N, C-alpha and C. Protein backbone atom coordinates (compact mmCIF):
# COMPACT_ATOMS: atom_id res chain seq x y z
N UNK A 1 0.84 -1.19 0.00
CA UNK A 1 0.00 0.00 0.00
C UNK A 1 0.88 1.24 0.00
N UNK A 2 0.42 2.26 -0.72
CA UNK A 2 1.17 3.51 -0.81
C UNK A 2 1.24 4.19 0.55
N UNK A 3 2.30 4.95 0.73
CA UNK A 3 2.52 5.67 1.99
C UNK A 3 1.62 6.91 2.07
N UNK A 4 1.07 7.14 3.24
CA UNK A 4 0.28 8.35 3.51
C UNK A 4 0.97 9.11 4.63
N UNK A 5 1.09 10.40 4.48
CA UNK A 5 1.67 11.22 5.55
C UNK A 5 0.78 12.43 5.80
N UNK A 6 0.84 12.90 7.03
CA UNK A 6 0.16 14.14 7.39
C UNK A 6 1.19 15.25 7.28
N UNK A 7 0.83 16.32 6.58
CA UNK A 7 1.78 17.40 6.41
C UNK A 7 1.08 18.75 6.42
N UNK A 8 1.85 19.76 6.72
CA UNK A 8 1.38 21.14 6.71
C UNK A 8 1.72 21.73 5.34
N UNK A 9 0.70 22.18 4.63
CA UNK A 9 0.90 22.81 3.32
C UNK A 9 0.84 24.31 3.54
N UNK A 10 1.90 25.04 3.16
CA UNK A 10 1.90 26.48 3.40
C UNK A 10 0.98 27.23 2.43
N UNK A 11 0.69 28.48 2.79
CA UNK A 11 -0.04 29.38 1.91
C UNK A 11 0.72 29.48 0.59
N UNK A 12 -0.02 29.61 -0.52
CA UNK A 12 0.62 29.65 -1.83
C UNK A 12 -0.13 30.64 -2.72
N UNK A 13 0.64 31.54 -3.35
CA UNK A 13 0.05 32.52 -4.28
C UNK A 13 0.15 32.00 -5.70
N UNK A 14 -0.80 32.42 -6.53
CA UNK A 14 -0.76 32.02 -7.93
C UNK A 14 -1.97 32.55 -8.68
N UNK A 15 -2.17 31.99 -9.86
CA UNK A 15 -3.30 32.34 -10.71
C UNK A 15 -4.19 31.12 -10.86
N UNK A 16 -5.49 31.34 -10.99
CA UNK A 16 -6.38 30.20 -11.13
C UNK A 16 -7.50 30.46 -12.13
N UNK A 17 -7.97 29.36 -12.66
CA UNK A 17 -9.11 29.34 -13.57
C UNK A 17 -10.02 28.21 -13.11
N UNK A 18 -11.32 28.41 -13.11
CA UNK A 18 -12.26 27.37 -12.73
C UNK A 18 -12.93 26.84 -13.98
N UNK A 19 -13.01 25.50 -14.05
CA UNK A 19 -13.67 24.85 -15.18
C UNK A 19 -14.68 23.85 -14.66
N UNK A 20 -15.70 23.62 -15.45
CA UNK A 20 -16.65 22.54 -15.20
C UNK A 20 -16.43 21.53 -16.32
N UNK A 21 -16.09 20.30 -15.93
CA UNK A 21 -15.76 19.27 -16.92
C UNK A 21 -16.50 17.99 -16.62
N UNK A 22 -16.71 17.20 -17.65
CA UNK A 22 -17.42 15.93 -17.50
C UNK A 22 -16.55 14.85 -16.88
N UNK A 23 -15.23 14.90 -17.13
CA UNK A 23 -14.33 13.86 -16.61
C UNK A 23 -12.89 14.36 -16.59
N UNK A 24 -12.03 13.55 -16.02
CA UNK A 24 -10.61 13.88 -15.87
C UNK A 24 -9.92 14.11 -17.22
N UNK A 25 -10.32 13.36 -18.25
CA UNK A 25 -9.69 13.50 -19.56
C UNK A 25 -9.84 14.90 -20.12
N UNK A 26 -10.88 15.61 -19.73
CA UNK A 26 -11.09 16.98 -20.20
C UNK A 26 -10.05 17.95 -19.64
N UNK A 27 -9.27 17.50 -18.67
CA UNK A 27 -8.26 18.35 -18.03
C UNK A 27 -6.85 18.10 -18.55
N UNK A 28 -6.66 17.14 -19.44
CA UNK A 28 -5.32 16.78 -19.90
C UNK A 28 -4.55 17.98 -20.45
N UNK A 29 -5.21 18.84 -21.19
CA UNK A 29 -4.53 20.01 -21.76
C UNK A 29 -4.06 21.01 -20.72
N UNK A 30 -4.58 20.91 -19.49
CA UNK A 30 -4.20 21.83 -18.42
C UNK A 30 -3.07 21.30 -17.55
N UNK A 31 -2.69 20.05 -17.75
CA UNK A 31 -1.68 19.43 -16.87
C UNK A 31 -0.27 19.80 -17.30
N UNK A 32 0.44 20.41 -16.38
CA UNK A 32 1.84 20.78 -16.57
C UNK A 32 2.53 20.62 -15.21
N UNK A 33 3.85 20.47 -15.21
CA UNK A 33 4.53 20.39 -13.91
C UNK A 33 4.20 21.62 -13.06
N UNK A 34 3.97 21.39 -11.78
CA UNK A 34 3.64 22.40 -10.76
C UNK A 34 2.19 22.86 -10.78
N UNK A 35 1.39 22.38 -11.73
CA UNK A 35 -0.03 22.71 -11.73
C UNK A 35 -0.71 22.02 -10.55
N UNK A 36 -1.65 22.70 -9.93
CA UNK A 36 -2.44 22.13 -8.84
C UNK A 36 -3.90 22.14 -9.27
N UNK A 37 -4.51 20.95 -9.29
CA UNK A 37 -5.94 20.86 -9.56
C UNK A 37 -6.65 20.80 -8.21
N UNK A 38 -7.65 21.64 -8.03
CA UNK A 38 -8.40 21.70 -6.79
C UNK A 38 -9.85 21.32 -7.13
N UNK A 39 -10.31 20.25 -6.51
CA UNK A 39 -11.64 19.73 -6.82
C UNK A 39 -12.65 20.27 -5.82
N UNK A 40 -13.62 21.03 -6.34
CA UNK A 40 -14.62 21.70 -5.51
C UNK A 40 -15.98 21.00 -5.52
N UNK A 41 -16.03 19.77 -6.01
CA UNK A 41 -17.29 19.03 -6.01
C UNK A 41 -17.90 18.94 -7.39
N UNK A 42 -19.22 18.73 -7.41
CA UNK A 42 -19.92 18.55 -8.68
C UNK A 42 -21.10 19.49 -8.78
N UNK A 43 -21.42 19.85 -9.99
CA UNK A 43 -22.66 20.57 -10.31
C UNK A 43 -23.32 19.74 -11.40
N UNK A 44 -24.40 19.08 -11.05
CA UNK A 44 -25.02 18.17 -12.00
C UNK A 44 -24.08 17.02 -12.30
N UNK A 45 -23.80 16.82 -13.57
CA UNK A 45 -22.92 15.73 -14.00
C UNK A 45 -21.49 16.20 -14.23
N UNK A 46 -21.19 17.44 -13.87
CA UNK A 46 -19.86 17.98 -14.13
C UNK A 46 -19.08 18.21 -12.84
N UNK A 47 -17.76 18.00 -12.92
CA UNK A 47 -16.86 18.31 -11.81
C UNK A 47 -16.49 19.79 -11.90
N UNK A 48 -16.40 20.44 -10.75
CA UNK A 48 -15.95 21.83 -10.69
C UNK A 48 -14.48 21.78 -10.23
N UNK A 49 -13.61 22.19 -11.14
CA UNK A 49 -12.16 22.05 -10.90
C UNK A 49 -11.48 23.40 -11.09
N UNK A 50 -10.67 23.76 -10.11
CA UNK A 50 -9.85 24.97 -10.20
C UNK A 50 -8.46 24.55 -10.65
N UNK A 51 -7.97 25.18 -11.71
CA UNK A 51 -6.60 24.93 -12.19
C UNK A 51 -5.76 26.07 -11.65
N UNK A 52 -4.85 25.73 -10.72
CA UNK A 52 -4.05 26.74 -10.01
C UNK A 52 -2.60 26.63 -10.46
N UNK A 53 -2.05 27.77 -10.87
CA UNK A 53 -0.64 27.83 -11.28
C UNK A 53 0.11 28.70 -10.28
N UNK A 54 1.02 28.10 -9.50
CA UNK A 54 1.77 28.90 -8.52
C UNK A 54 2.58 30.01 -9.20
N UNK A 55 2.51 31.20 -8.60
CA UNK A 55 3.26 32.35 -9.09
C UNK A 55 3.23 33.38 -7.96
N UNK A 56 4.41 33.86 -7.51
CA UNK A 56 4.42 34.81 -6.39
C UNK A 56 3.69 36.12 -6.71
N UNK A 57 3.46 36.40 -8.00
CA UNK A 57 2.74 37.62 -8.39
C UNK A 57 1.26 37.36 -8.63
N UNK A 58 0.79 36.16 -8.29
CA UNK A 58 -0.58 35.78 -8.55
C UNK A 58 -1.60 36.60 -7.79
N UNK A 59 -2.84 36.53 -8.27
CA UNK A 59 -3.93 37.29 -7.65
C UNK A 59 -4.79 36.44 -6.73
N UNK A 60 -4.42 35.18 -6.52
CA UNK A 60 -5.18 34.27 -5.66
C UNK A 60 -4.22 33.67 -4.64
N UNK A 61 -4.71 33.44 -3.44
CA UNK A 61 -3.91 32.79 -2.41
C UNK A 61 -4.63 31.53 -1.94
N UNK A 62 -3.94 30.40 -2.04
CA UNK A 62 -4.46 29.17 -1.44
C UNK A 62 -4.10 29.22 0.04
N UNK A 63 -5.04 28.97 0.91
CA UNK A 63 -4.75 29.04 2.35
C UNK A 63 -3.89 27.86 2.79
N UNK A 64 -3.19 28.01 3.91
CA UNK A 64 -2.44 26.88 4.44
C UNK A 64 -3.43 25.80 4.89
N UNK A 65 -2.95 24.56 4.95
CA UNK A 65 -3.83 23.46 5.35
C UNK A 65 -3.02 22.32 5.93
N UNK A 66 -3.67 21.55 6.79
CA UNK A 66 -3.11 20.29 7.27
C UNK A 66 -3.80 19.21 6.45
N UNK A 67 -2.99 18.42 5.74
CA UNK A 67 -3.55 17.45 4.79
C UNK A 67 -2.98 16.05 5.02
N UNK A 68 -3.76 15.07 4.58
CA UNK A 68 -3.25 13.71 4.39
C UNK A 68 -2.81 13.68 2.94
N UNK A 69 -1.62 13.15 2.71
CA UNK A 69 -1.02 13.22 1.38
C UNK A 69 -0.47 11.86 0.98
N UNK A 70 -0.64 11.53 -0.29
CA UNK A 70 -0.03 10.32 -0.85
C UNK A 70 0.42 10.63 -2.26
N UNK A 71 1.43 9.91 -2.73
CA UNK A 71 1.96 10.13 -4.08
C UNK A 71 1.54 9.00 -5.00
N UNK A 72 1.31 9.36 -6.25
CA UNK A 72 0.93 8.39 -7.27
C UNK A 72 1.77 8.64 -8.51
N UNK A 73 2.27 7.58 -9.11
CA UNK A 73 2.97 7.66 -10.38
C UNK A 73 2.35 6.64 -11.31
N UNK A 74 1.92 7.09 -12.48
CA UNK A 74 1.33 6.18 -13.44
C UNK A 74 0.38 6.91 -14.37
N UNK A 75 -0.51 6.15 -15.02
CA UNK A 75 -1.45 6.76 -15.97
C UNK A 75 -2.37 7.77 -15.28
N UNK A 76 -2.54 8.92 -15.91
CA UNK A 76 -3.40 9.97 -15.34
C UNK A 76 -4.80 9.43 -15.05
N UNK A 77 -5.29 8.55 -15.89
CA UNK A 77 -6.64 8.02 -15.70
C UNK A 77 -6.77 7.17 -14.44
N UNK A 78 -5.65 6.83 -13.81
CA UNK A 78 -5.68 6.00 -12.60
C UNK A 78 -5.39 6.78 -11.33
N UNK A 79 -5.32 8.11 -11.40
CA UNK A 79 -5.03 8.93 -10.23
C UNK A 79 -6.05 8.68 -9.11
N UNK A 80 -7.26 8.31 -9.49
CA UNK A 80 -8.28 8.03 -8.47
C UNK A 80 -7.85 6.94 -7.49
N UNK A 81 -6.91 6.09 -7.89
CA UNK A 81 -6.39 5.07 -6.97
C UNK A 81 -5.77 5.71 -5.73
N UNK A 82 -5.19 6.89 -5.88
CA UNK A 82 -4.60 7.59 -4.73
C UNK A 82 -5.69 8.02 -3.74
N UNK A 83 -6.86 8.35 -4.24
CA UNK A 83 -7.97 8.71 -3.36
C UNK A 83 -8.41 7.50 -2.54
N UNK A 84 -8.42 6.33 -3.17
CA UNK A 84 -8.76 5.11 -2.44
C UNK A 84 -7.74 4.86 -1.33
N UNK A 85 -6.47 5.10 -1.63
CA UNK A 85 -5.42 4.94 -0.62
C UNK A 85 -5.69 5.85 0.58
N UNK A 86 -6.03 7.12 0.30
CA UNK A 86 -6.30 8.06 1.38
C UNK A 86 -7.53 7.65 2.20
N UNK A 87 -8.57 7.19 1.53
CA UNK A 87 -9.79 6.79 2.24
C UNK A 87 -9.55 5.58 3.14
N UNK A 88 -8.85 4.56 2.62
CA UNK A 88 -8.55 3.38 3.45
C UNK A 88 -7.67 3.76 4.63
N UNK A 89 -6.72 4.65 4.40
CA UNK A 89 -5.85 5.11 5.50
C UNK A 89 -6.69 5.83 6.56
N UNK A 90 -7.56 6.74 6.11
CA UNK A 90 -8.39 7.51 7.05
C UNK A 90 -9.27 6.58 7.88
N UNK A 91 -9.88 5.60 7.24
CA UNK A 91 -10.72 4.64 7.97
C UNK A 91 -9.90 3.89 9.02
N UNK A 92 -8.70 3.48 8.65
CA UNK A 92 -7.84 2.74 9.58
C UNK A 92 -7.32 3.59 10.74
N UNK A 93 -7.22 4.90 10.51
CA UNK A 93 -6.69 5.82 11.53
C UNK A 93 -7.79 6.51 12.33
N UNK A 94 -9.03 6.29 11.95
CA UNK A 94 -10.13 6.98 12.62
C UNK A 94 -10.16 8.47 12.31
N UNK A 95 -9.69 8.86 11.14
CA UNK A 95 -9.64 10.27 10.72
C UNK A 95 -10.73 10.54 9.70
N UNK A 96 -11.09 11.80 9.56
CA UNK A 96 -12.04 12.23 8.54
C UNK A 96 -11.33 13.15 7.56
N UNK A 97 -11.60 12.93 6.27
CA UNK A 97 -11.02 13.77 5.23
C UNK A 97 -12.02 14.81 4.80
N UNK A 98 -11.52 16.00 4.50
CA UNK A 98 -12.39 17.10 4.09
C UNK A 98 -12.21 17.44 2.62
N UNK A 99 -12.73 18.59 2.26
CA UNK A 99 -12.61 19.09 0.90
C UNK A 99 -12.23 20.57 0.96
N UNK A 100 -11.73 21.16 -0.10
CA UNK A 100 -11.50 20.55 -1.40
C UNK A 100 -10.19 19.77 -1.41
N UNK A 101 -10.14 18.76 -2.26
CA UNK A 101 -8.91 17.99 -2.43
C UNK A 101 -8.04 18.68 -3.47
N UNK A 102 -6.74 18.39 -3.38
CA UNK A 102 -5.78 18.98 -4.32
C UNK A 102 -4.96 17.87 -4.96
N UNK A 103 -4.63 18.06 -6.23
CA UNK A 103 -3.69 17.19 -6.93
C UNK A 103 -2.54 18.09 -7.39
N UNK A 104 -1.34 17.84 -6.86
CA UNK A 104 -0.17 18.63 -7.21
C UNK A 104 0.64 17.82 -8.21
N UNK A 105 0.70 18.30 -9.44
CA UNK A 105 1.39 17.57 -10.51
C UNK A 105 2.87 17.96 -10.52
N UNK A 106 3.73 16.97 -10.30
CA UNK A 106 5.17 17.20 -10.28
C UNK A 106 5.79 16.94 -11.66
N UNK A 107 5.36 15.87 -12.31
CA UNK A 107 5.82 15.53 -13.66
C UNK A 107 4.61 15.12 -14.48
N UNK A 108 4.63 15.48 -15.74
CA UNK A 108 3.54 15.14 -16.65
C UNK A 108 4.14 14.74 -17.99
N UNK A 109 3.72 13.60 -18.52
CA UNK A 109 4.17 13.15 -19.83
C UNK A 109 2.94 12.82 -20.67
N UNK A 110 2.49 13.80 -21.45
CA UNK A 110 1.31 13.62 -22.27
C UNK A 110 1.59 12.85 -23.55
N UNK A 111 2.89 12.61 -23.84
CA UNK A 111 3.25 11.87 -25.05
C UNK A 111 3.08 10.37 -24.87
N UNK A 112 3.04 9.92 -23.63
CA UNK A 112 2.81 8.50 -23.36
C UNK A 112 1.37 8.15 -23.74
N UNK A 113 1.14 6.89 -24.05
CA UNK A 113 -0.22 6.43 -24.32
C UNK A 113 -0.51 5.26 -23.40
N UNK A 114 -1.27 5.45 -22.33
CA UNK A 114 -1.98 6.66 -21.94
C UNK A 114 -1.04 7.67 -21.26
N UNK A 115 -1.46 8.96 -21.19
CA UNK A 115 -0.64 9.98 -20.53
C UNK A 115 -0.32 9.59 -19.08
N UNK A 116 0.91 9.92 -18.65
CA UNK A 116 1.35 9.57 -17.29
C UNK A 116 1.73 10.81 -16.51
N UNK A 117 1.70 10.65 -15.17
CA UNK A 117 2.05 11.78 -14.30
C UNK A 117 2.59 11.26 -12.98
N UNK A 118 3.35 12.14 -12.35
CA UNK A 118 3.76 11.96 -10.95
C UNK A 118 3.01 13.04 -10.20
N UNK A 119 2.11 12.62 -9.29
CA UNK A 119 1.20 13.56 -8.66
C UNK A 119 1.08 13.26 -7.17
N UNK A 120 0.93 14.31 -6.39
CA UNK A 120 0.68 14.18 -4.96
C UNK A 120 -0.78 14.56 -4.72
N UNK A 121 -1.54 13.65 -4.16
CA UNK A 121 -2.95 13.91 -3.87
C UNK A 121 -3.05 14.29 -2.39
N UNK A 122 -3.72 15.41 -2.12
CA UNK A 122 -3.84 15.94 -0.77
C UNK A 122 -5.31 16.12 -0.41
N UNK A 123 -5.69 15.65 0.76
CA UNK A 123 -7.04 15.85 1.28
C UNK A 123 -6.93 16.49 2.66
N UNK A 124 -7.62 17.60 2.89
CA UNK A 124 -7.57 18.23 4.21
C UNK A 124 -8.11 17.30 5.28
N UNK A 125 -7.55 17.37 6.46
CA UNK A 125 -8.08 16.62 7.59
C UNK A 125 -9.23 17.42 8.17
N UNK A 126 -10.37 16.76 8.33
CA UNK A 126 -11.56 17.45 8.83
C UNK A 126 -11.58 17.44 10.34
């Protein structure tokens, strides 16, 4: 099983755009190293996702947070496996996970078939 750690995520400035998409594949064009996807839930059948690009001159600030974090490397379409890791860990630890969740993309290779990424999935502790 993948490792889960509790960590303090500092405040971070940057720029953001919010999109409503039907699925994760609709976000492939937005994935770049250092991009942070913030999942704000669903509206109807669409996910509400904030695409955050860190930049010290940005007009948005992500607040600091205490999160449960796990890393995933593999096909982008399988990133949801990291969420399962966090949920099983939380159940075993008697912890509750909150929202919004964040996916911090460290490496992205869209030339692979299927596209691959190295991503850290973070869920706030409730």
